[in-house]
């Protein structure tokens, strides 16, 4: 996708390093960095320098290949990387793809590249299939960042939007800000600006009112893990949008590649929900008038916080899944068929 007219991906292999766009600095700074050690890869994932389920899967895949090339113990490297973010199943899928080629370091890097390309192809196909759900001028509400920064290229929830825009359908996007890390406000809005797509940023709680007013045609979000029965974990706040969509008769779709489906997780209650640092809620970061990035406190000192990074939307609230093999119902049977499981 494009930044200032140039094509980029979120992550790339360069020599004996993994290059990546540091998403923590967006939208105020567009800077890249390189991970040359296993610990740097792990820190980039856990510290959310890179984020988004497919993207962290690609980062982990390249990270494991890097670990093998620099002489790290492969089993230990796998264990470290798989524990960096517990909710997104794509992380494990990427690692398993590379682990299957071990111990041949060349084959492991090739497997990482193949996983990378397959995720990009899946994201592109999601856009093609999701295009059928949009009309000229469709008003789409999305949450968090399920754009190209979260999926290497094209995105998941945004892929139908980008495809529609390039087909001349002039889509409009309501960008939900996504507290506490503001991935919608910081990253999705930035992506929309770079792609020239009309959008408005809204507070997370504004989505229900817009739906009640008939100003939302469809809700499309991404996912971090989809259980065998269709229950879906995504960024905290997704469940609220799903409830509002159901109450107001607005279609609610999850866009995700098949690597996000986890047939070994039977239902949403079995999905591990990551709890993150309390200071993500107690503070905000922004750009000062002097052009400096500063973090400020927004709560009384000593305020206690609970900070779940994800919630679970029941399959009963999901209209369907937009995948690289088509739009499928949120049922166990449809999921098993798409995954080609008996």
Protein backbone atom coordinates (compact mmCIF):
# COMPACT_ATOMS: atom_id res chain seq x y z
CA UNK A 1 0.00 0.00 0.00
CA UNK A 2 1.02 3.62 -0.32
CA UNK A 3 2.74 6.18 1.87
CA UNK A 4 3.33 9.53 0.16
CA UNK A 5 2.72 7.79 -3.16
CA UNK A 6 5.25 4.98 -2.59
CA UNK A 7 4.41 1.30 -2.05
CA UNK A 8 5.35 -0.32 1.27
CA UNK A 9 4.76 -3.42 3.34
CA UNK A 10 4.72 -3.44 7.12
CA UNK A 11 7.66 -5.91 7.39
CA UNK A 12 10.43 -7.08 5.08
CA UNK A 13 13.54 -9.26 5.12
CA UNK A 14 16.83 -7.40 4.57
CA UNK A 15 20.09 -9.32 4.66
CA UNK A 16 20.28 -10.92 8.09
CA UNK A 17 17.68 -8.64 9.67
CA UNK A 18 13.94 -8.07 9.77
CA UNK A 19 12.97 -4.57 8.70
CA UNK A 20 9.70 -3.07 9.90
CA UNK A 21 7.75 0.16 10.13
CA UNK A 22 7.57 1.21 13.79
CA UNK A 23 3.83 1.56 14.29
CA UNK A 24 4.24 3.16 17.72
CA UNK A 25 5.35 6.38 16.03
CA UNK A 26 2.44 6.69 13.62
CA UNK A 27 0.91 8.98 12.47
CA UNK A 28 3.40 11.63 13.56
CA UNK A 29 6.53 9.89 12.32
CA UNK A 30 7.00 7.36 9.55
CA UNK A 31 10.18 5.52 10.49
CA UNK A 32 11.54 2.05 9.93
CA UNK A 33 13.76 -0.06 12.14
CA UNK A 34 15.62 -3.36 11.94
CA UNK A 35 15.70 -6.35 14.27
CA UNK A 36 19.00 -8.20 14.11
CA UNK A 37 18.55 -10.39 17.20
CA UNK A 38 15.89 -12.71 18.53
CA UNK A 39 15.24 -10.47 21.52
CA UNK A 40 14.71 -7.47 19.26
CA UNK A 41 12.09 -9.39 17.29
CA UNK A 42 10.34 -10.46 20.48
CA UNK A 43 10.43 -6.91 21.87
CA UNK A 44 9.01 -5.49 18.62
CA UNK A 45 6.04 -7.86 18.91
CA UNK A 46 5.37 -7.58 22.64
CA UNK A 47 6.00 -3.82 22.65
CA UNK A 48 3.66 -3.35 19.68
CA UNK A 49 6.21 -1.74 17.40
CA UNK A 50 4.52 -4.10 14.99
CA UNK A 51 0.95 -5.30 15.60
CA UNK A 52 -2.06 -6.83 13.85
CA UNK A 53 -2.65 -10.57 13.79
CA UNK A 54 -1.34 -11.41 10.29
CA UNK A 55 1.57 -8.96 10.61
CA UNK A 56 2.83 -10.39 13.90
CA UNK A 57 2.59 -13.86 12.36
CA UNK A 58 4.86 -12.73 9.54
CA UNK A 59 7.22 -11.00 11.98
CA UNK A 60 7.44 -14.13 14.11
CA UNK A 61 8.07 -16.27 11.03
CA UNK A 62 10.98 -14.09 9.93
CA UNK A 63 12.14 -13.88 13.54
CA UNK A 64 12.42 -17.65 13.84
CA UNK A 65 14.29 -17.83 10.52
CA UNK A 66 16.60 -15.09 11.79
CA UNK A 67 17.20 -16.97 15.05
CA UNK A 68 18.27 -20.06 13.14
CA UNK A 69 20.64 -18.08 10.90
CA UNK A 70 22.41 -16.43 13.85
CA UNK A 71 22.79 -19.68 15.79
CA UNK A 72 20.04 -19.43 18.42
CA UNK A 73 18.56 -22.66 19.79
CA UNK A 74 15.48 -23.09 17.61
CA UNK A 75 13.17 -24.65 20.21
CA UNK A 76 13.98 -21.89 22.69
CA UNK A 77 13.44 -19.23 20.03
CA UNK A 78 10.06 -20.73 19.18
CA UNK A 79 9.02 -20.74 22.84
CA UNK A 80 10.05 -17.13 23.32
CA UNK A 81 8.25 -15.86 20.23
CA UNK A 82 5.03 -17.85 20.68
CA UNK A 83 4.60 -16.29 24.13
CA UNK A 84 4.92 -12.66 23.06
CA UNK A 85 1.19 -12.12 22.33
CA UNK A 86 -1.18 -14.90 23.48
CA UNK A 87 -4.45 -14.05 21.71
CA UNK A 88 -3.63 -13.82 18.00
CA UNK A 89 -3.36 -17.34 16.59
CA UNK A 90 -1.61 -16.11 13.41
CA UNK A 91 1.54 -15.80 15.51
CA UNK A 92 1.65 -19.54 16.08
CA UNK A 93 0.67 -20.30 12.49
CA UNK A 94 3.64 -18.31 11.17
CA UNK A 95 6.02 -19.96 13.61
CA UNK A 96 4.74 -23.46 12.82
CA UNK A 97 5.19 -22.86 9.09
CA UNK A 98 8.87 -22.03 9.60
CA UNK A 99 9.44 -24.67 12.28
CA UNK A 100 8.32 -27.33 9.81
CA UNK A 101 11.37 -26.49 7.68
CA UNK A 102 13.87 -26.69 10.57
CA UNK A 103 16.77 -27.15 10.95
CA UNK A 104 17.71 -26.11 7.39
CA UNK A 105 18.25 -22.35 7.72
CA UNK A 106 17.73 -21.71 4.01
CA UNK A 107 14.50 -23.68 3.98
CA UNK A 108 13.31 -21.86 7.10
CA UNK A 109 13.82 -18.47 5.47
CA UNK A 110 12.06 -19.70 2.34
CA UNK A 111 9.14 -20.87 4.50
CA UNK A 112 8.96 -17.44 6.15
CA UNK A 113 8.88 -15.76 2.74
CA UNK A 114 6.16 -18.13 1.59
CA UNK A 115 4.09 -17.39 4.68
CA UNK A 116 4.56 -13.66 4.07
CA UNK A 117 3.39 -13.89 0.45
CA UNK A 118 0.44 -16.13 1.35
CA UNK A 119 -0.83 -13.62 3.93
CA UNK A 120 -0.58 -10.78 1.40
CA UNK A 121 -2.40 -12.87 -1.22
CA UNK A 122 -5.11 -13.71 1.32
CA UNK A 123 -5.58 -10.05 2.22
CA UNK A 124 -5.90 -9.12 -1.45
CA UNK A 125 -8.48 -11.89 -2.00
CA UNK A 126 -10.46 -10.71 1.03
CA UNK A 127 -10.86 -7.39 -0.74
CA UNK A 128 -12.12 -9.04 -3.90
CA UNK A 129 -14.72 -11.13 -2.06
CA UNK A 130 -15.70 -8.31 0.28
CA UNK A 131 -16.30 -5.97 -2.64
CA UNK A 132 -19.58 -7.78 -3.30
CA UNK A 133 -20.88 -6.53 0.06
CA UNK A 134 -20.38 -2.86 -0.82
CA UNK A 135 -22.25 -0.49 -3.09
CA UNK A 136 -21.40 2.94 -4.44
CA UNK A 137 -20.92 5.25 -1.46
CA UNK A 138 -21.27 2.51 1.18
CA UNK A 139 -20.67 3.79 4.69
CA UNK A 140 -18.43 1.33 6.53
CA UNK A 141 -17.69 1.42 10.25
CA UNK A 142 -14.49 -0.28 11.35
CA UNK A 143 -12.67 -0.68 14.64
CA UNK A 144 -9.01 -0.69 15.61
CA UNK A 145 -6.60 -1.02 12.70
CA UNK A 146 -7.30 -3.97 10.45
CA UNK A 147 -5.53 -2.24 7.60
CA UNK A 148 -2.34 -2.93 5.72
CA UNK A 149 -0.20 -2.19 8.73
CA UNK A 150 -1.98 -5.06 10.48
CA UNK A 151 -1.78 -7.50 7.57
CA UNK A 152 1.44 -6.69 5.71
CA UNK A 153 -0.51 -5.26 2.75
CA UNK A 154 -4.15 -4.48 1.85
CA UNK A 155 -5.42 -5.31 5.32
CA UNK A 156 -8.38 -7.44 6.31
CA UNK A 157 -11.35 -5.20 7.19
CA UNK A 158 -9.94 -2.42 5.00
CA UNK A 159 -9.19 -4.59 1.97
CA UNK A 160 -12.78 -4.41 0.64
CA UNK A 161 -12.69 -0.65 1.20
CA UNK A 162 -9.41 -0.19 -0.67
CA UNK A 163 -10.67 -2.43 -3.45
CA UNK A 164 -13.93 -0.49 -3.69
CA UNK A 165 -12.03 2.80 -3.83
CA UNK A 166 -9.86 1.56 -6.69
CA UNK A 167 -13.01 0.41 -8.49
CA UNK A 168 -14.44 3.92 -8.26
CA UNK A 169 -17.17 3.11 -5.72
CA UNK A 170 -16.22 5.98 -3.39
CA UNK A 171 -16.62 4.21 -0.03
CA UNK A 172 -16.86 6.19 3.20
CA UNK A 173 -15.34 4.97 6.47
CA UNK A 174 -16.27 5.70 10.07
CA UNK A 175 -12.99 5.18 11.95
CA UNK A 176 -13.53 4.13 15.56
CA UNK A 177 -10.69 5.61 17.62
CA UNK A 178 -10.04 2.43 19.68
CA UNK A 179 -8.99 3.18 23.22
CA UNK A 180 -6.63 2.72 24.92
CA UNK A 181 -3.88 2.61 22.25
CA UNK A 182 -5.92 4.50 19.64
CA UNK A 183 -4.97 2.29 16.70
CA UNK A 184 -7.99 3.59 14.78
CA UNK A 185 -7.22 7.25 15.40
CA UNK A 186 -3.48 6.87 14.85
CA UNK A 187 -3.15 4.23 12.15
CA UNK A 188 -6.43 3.59 10.31
CA UNK A 189 -7.06 7.33 9.84
CA UNK A 190 -3.47 7.68 8.59
CA UNK A 191 -3.99 4.82 6.11
CA UNK A 192 -7.22 6.38 4.85
CA UNK A 193 -5.49 9.71 4.28
CA UNK A 194 -2.70 8.03 2.32
CA UNK A 195 -5.21 6.16 0.16
CA UNK A 196 -7.39 9.23 -0.35
CA UNK A 197 -10.52 7.62 1.14
CA UNK A 198 -13.20 9.83 2.67
CA UNK A 199 -13.55 9.10 6.39
CA UNK A 200 -14.41 10.58 9.76
CA UNK A 201 -12.85 9.72 13.10
CA UNK A 202 -15.34 8.94 15.88
CA UNK A 203 -15.15 8.15 19.57
CA UNK A 204 -15.65 4.45 20.26
CA UNK A 205 -19.02 5.09 21.91
CA UNK A 206 -20.38 7.05 18.93
CA UNK A 207 -20.83 4.00 16.70
CA UNK A 208 -24.13 2.91 18.27
CA UNK A 209 -25.69 6.35 17.79
CA UNK A 210 -24.60 6.48 14.15
CA UNK A 211 -26.15 3.06 13.58
CA UNK A 212 -29.38 4.15 15.27
CA UNK A 213 -29.50 7.16 12.96
CA UNK A 214 -29.13 4.94 9.88
CA UNK A 215 -25.73 6.39 8.99
CA UNK A 216 -23.84 3.06 8.88
CA UNK A 217 -24.44 0.54 6.09
CA UNK A 218 -22.10 -2.19 7.29
CA UNK A 219 -19.63 -2.87 10.08
CA UNK A 220 -16.42 -4.70 9.14
CA UNK A 221 -13.70 -5.50 11.66
CA UNK A 222 -10.70 -7.78 11.73
CA UNK A 223 -10.00 -10.62 14.14
CA UNK A 224 -7.17 -12.04 16.21
CA UNK A 225 -8.59 -15.52 16.69
CA UNK A 226 -11.76 -17.23 15.47
CA UNK A 227 -12.86 -20.28 17.43
CA UNK A 228 -14.26 -23.44 15.84
CA UNK A 229 -17.84 -22.37 16.58
CA UNK A 230 -17.35 -18.88 15.09
CA UNK A 231 -16.88 -16.89 18.30
CA UNK A 232 -14.30 -14.23 17.52
CA UNK A 233 -11.69 -12.38 19.56
CA UNK A 234 -10.80 -8.92 18.34
CA UNK A 235 -9.66 -5.61 19.79
CA UNK A 236 -11.55 -4.56 22.90
CA UNK A 237 -14.69 -2.66 21.90
CA UNK A 238 -15.57 -4.91 18.96
CA UNK A 239 -18.26 -6.73 20.95
CA UNK A 240 -19.95 -3.39 21.70
CA UNK A 241 -20.11 -2.54 18.00
CA UNK A 242 -21.50 -6.00 17.25
CA UNK A 243 -24.26 -5.58 19.84
CA UNK A 244 -25.17 -2.17 18.43
CA UNK A 245 -25.19 -3.51 14.88
CA UNK A 246 -27.48 -6.38 15.89
CA UNK A 247 -29.86 -4.02 17.69
CA UNK A 248 -30.08 -1.72 14.67
CA UNK A 249 -30.22 -4.28 11.87
CA UNK A 250 -26.77 -3.41 10.49
CA UNK A 251 -24.74 -6.27 8.94
CA UNK A 252 -21.65 -7.10 11.00
CA UNK A 253 -18.80 -8.88 9.20
CA UNK A 254 -15.41 -10.16 10.35
CA UNK A 255 -12.67 -10.03 7.70
CA UNK A 256 -9.84 -12.47 8.32
CA UNK A 257 -7.57 -14.93 6.50
CA UNK A 258 -7.94 -18.63 7.22
CA UNK A 259 -4.79 -18.42 9.35
CA UNK A 260 -6.90 -16.60 11.96
CA UNK A 261 -9.26 -19.56 12.40
CA UNK A 262 -8.31 -21.94 15.20
CA UNK A 263 -10.12 -25.27 14.98
CA UNK A 264 -8.46 -26.39 18.23
CA UNK A 265 -10.21 -23.65 20.20
CA UNK A 266 -13.82 -24.83 20.57
CA UNK A 267 -15.48 -21.55 21.57
CA UNK A 268 -14.82 -18.00 22.67
CA UNK A 269 -14.48 -18.76 26.36
CA UNK A 270 -11.40 -20.85 25.52
CA UNK A 271 -9.57 -17.97 23.80
CA UNK A 272 -6.82 -16.52 26.01
CA UNK A 273 -7.37 -12.78 26.47
CA UNK A 274 -4.21 -10.72 26.82
CA UNK A 275 -4.08 -8.30 29.75
CA UNK A 276 -1.80 -5.35 29.06
CA UNK A 277 -0.09 -2.71 31.17
CA UNK A 278 -2.33 -0.45 33.25
CA UNK A 279 -0.47 2.65 32.07
CA UNK A 280 -1.91 2.21 28.58
CA UNK A 281 -5.22 3.35 30.08
CA UNK A 282 -3.82 5.87 32.58
CA UNK A 283 -1.88 7.85 29.97
CA UNK A 284 -2.10 9.23 26.45
CA UNK A 285 0.67 10.03 23.98
CA UNK A 286 0.53 12.82 21.43
CA UNK A 287 2.44 15.46 19.52
CA UNK A 288 3.12 18.76 21.26
CA UNK A 289 3.05 22.15 19.56
CA UNK A 290 6.86 21.92 19.52
CA UNK A 291 6.71 18.72 17.50
CA UNK A 292 7.72 16.39 20.33
CA UNK A 293 6.02 13.12 21.21
CA UNK A 294 4.97 13.31 24.87
CA UNK A 295 3.06 11.00 27.19
CA UNK A 296 0.77 12.57 29.78
CA UNK A 297 -1.29 11.22 32.68
CA UNK A 298 -5.09 11.47 32.37
CA UNK A 299 -6.23 9.80 35.63
CA UNK A 300 -5.89 10.62 39.32
CA UNK A 301 -2.68 9.19 40.84
CA UNK A 302 -3.14 5.65 42.09
CA UNK A 303 -6.14 4.85 39.90
CA UNK A 304 -6.42 1.09 39.52
CA UNK A 305 -7.01 -0.25 36.02
CA UNK A 306 -8.02 -3.42 34.21
CA UNK A 307 -6.81 -3.48 30.62
CA UNK A 308 -8.01 -6.45 28.55
CA UNK A 309 -6.65 -6.02 25.02
CA UNK A 310 -9.41 -8.07 23.38
CA UNK A 311 -13.04 -9.09 23.75
CA UNK A 312 -15.04 -11.95 22.26
CA UNK A 313 -18.00 -11.47 19.90
CA UNK A 314 -20.35 -14.47 19.84
CA UNK A 315 -20.92 -16.10 16.46
CA UNK A 316 -24.65 -15.33 16.79
CA UNK A 317 -23.88 -11.61 16.25
CA UNK A 318 -21.69 -12.14 13.17
CA UNK A 319 -23.32 -11.93 9.74
CA UNK A 320 -20.40 -13.73 8.11
CA UNK A 321 -16.65 -14.03 7.67
CA UNK A 322 -14.93 -12.42 4.68
CA UNK A 323 -12.03 -14.74 3.84
CA UNK A 324 -9.72 -15.42 0.92
CA UNK A 325 -12.00 -18.28 -0.16
CA UNK A 326 -15.20 -16.23 -0.04
CA UNK A 327 -17.77 -14.94 2.43
CA UNK A 328 -18.81 -17.79 4.72
CA UNK A 329 -21.48 -18.04 7.43
CA UNK A 330 -20.46 -17.87 11.09
CA UNK A 331 -21.22 -21.54 11.71
CA UNK A 332 -19.02 -24.48 12.70
CA UNK A 333 -19.98 -26.35 9.53
CA UNK A 334 -18.99 -23.48 7.22
CA UNK A 335 -15.72 -22.97 9.10
CA UNK A 336 -14.79 -26.65 8.90
CA UNK A 337 -15.60 -26.67 5.19
CA UNK A 338 -13.47 -23.58 4.53
CA UNK A 339 -10.58 -25.12 6.46
CA UNK A 340 -11.12 -28.42 4.64
CA UNK A 341 -11.50 -30.31 7.91
CA UNK A 342 -13.51 -33.53 8.21
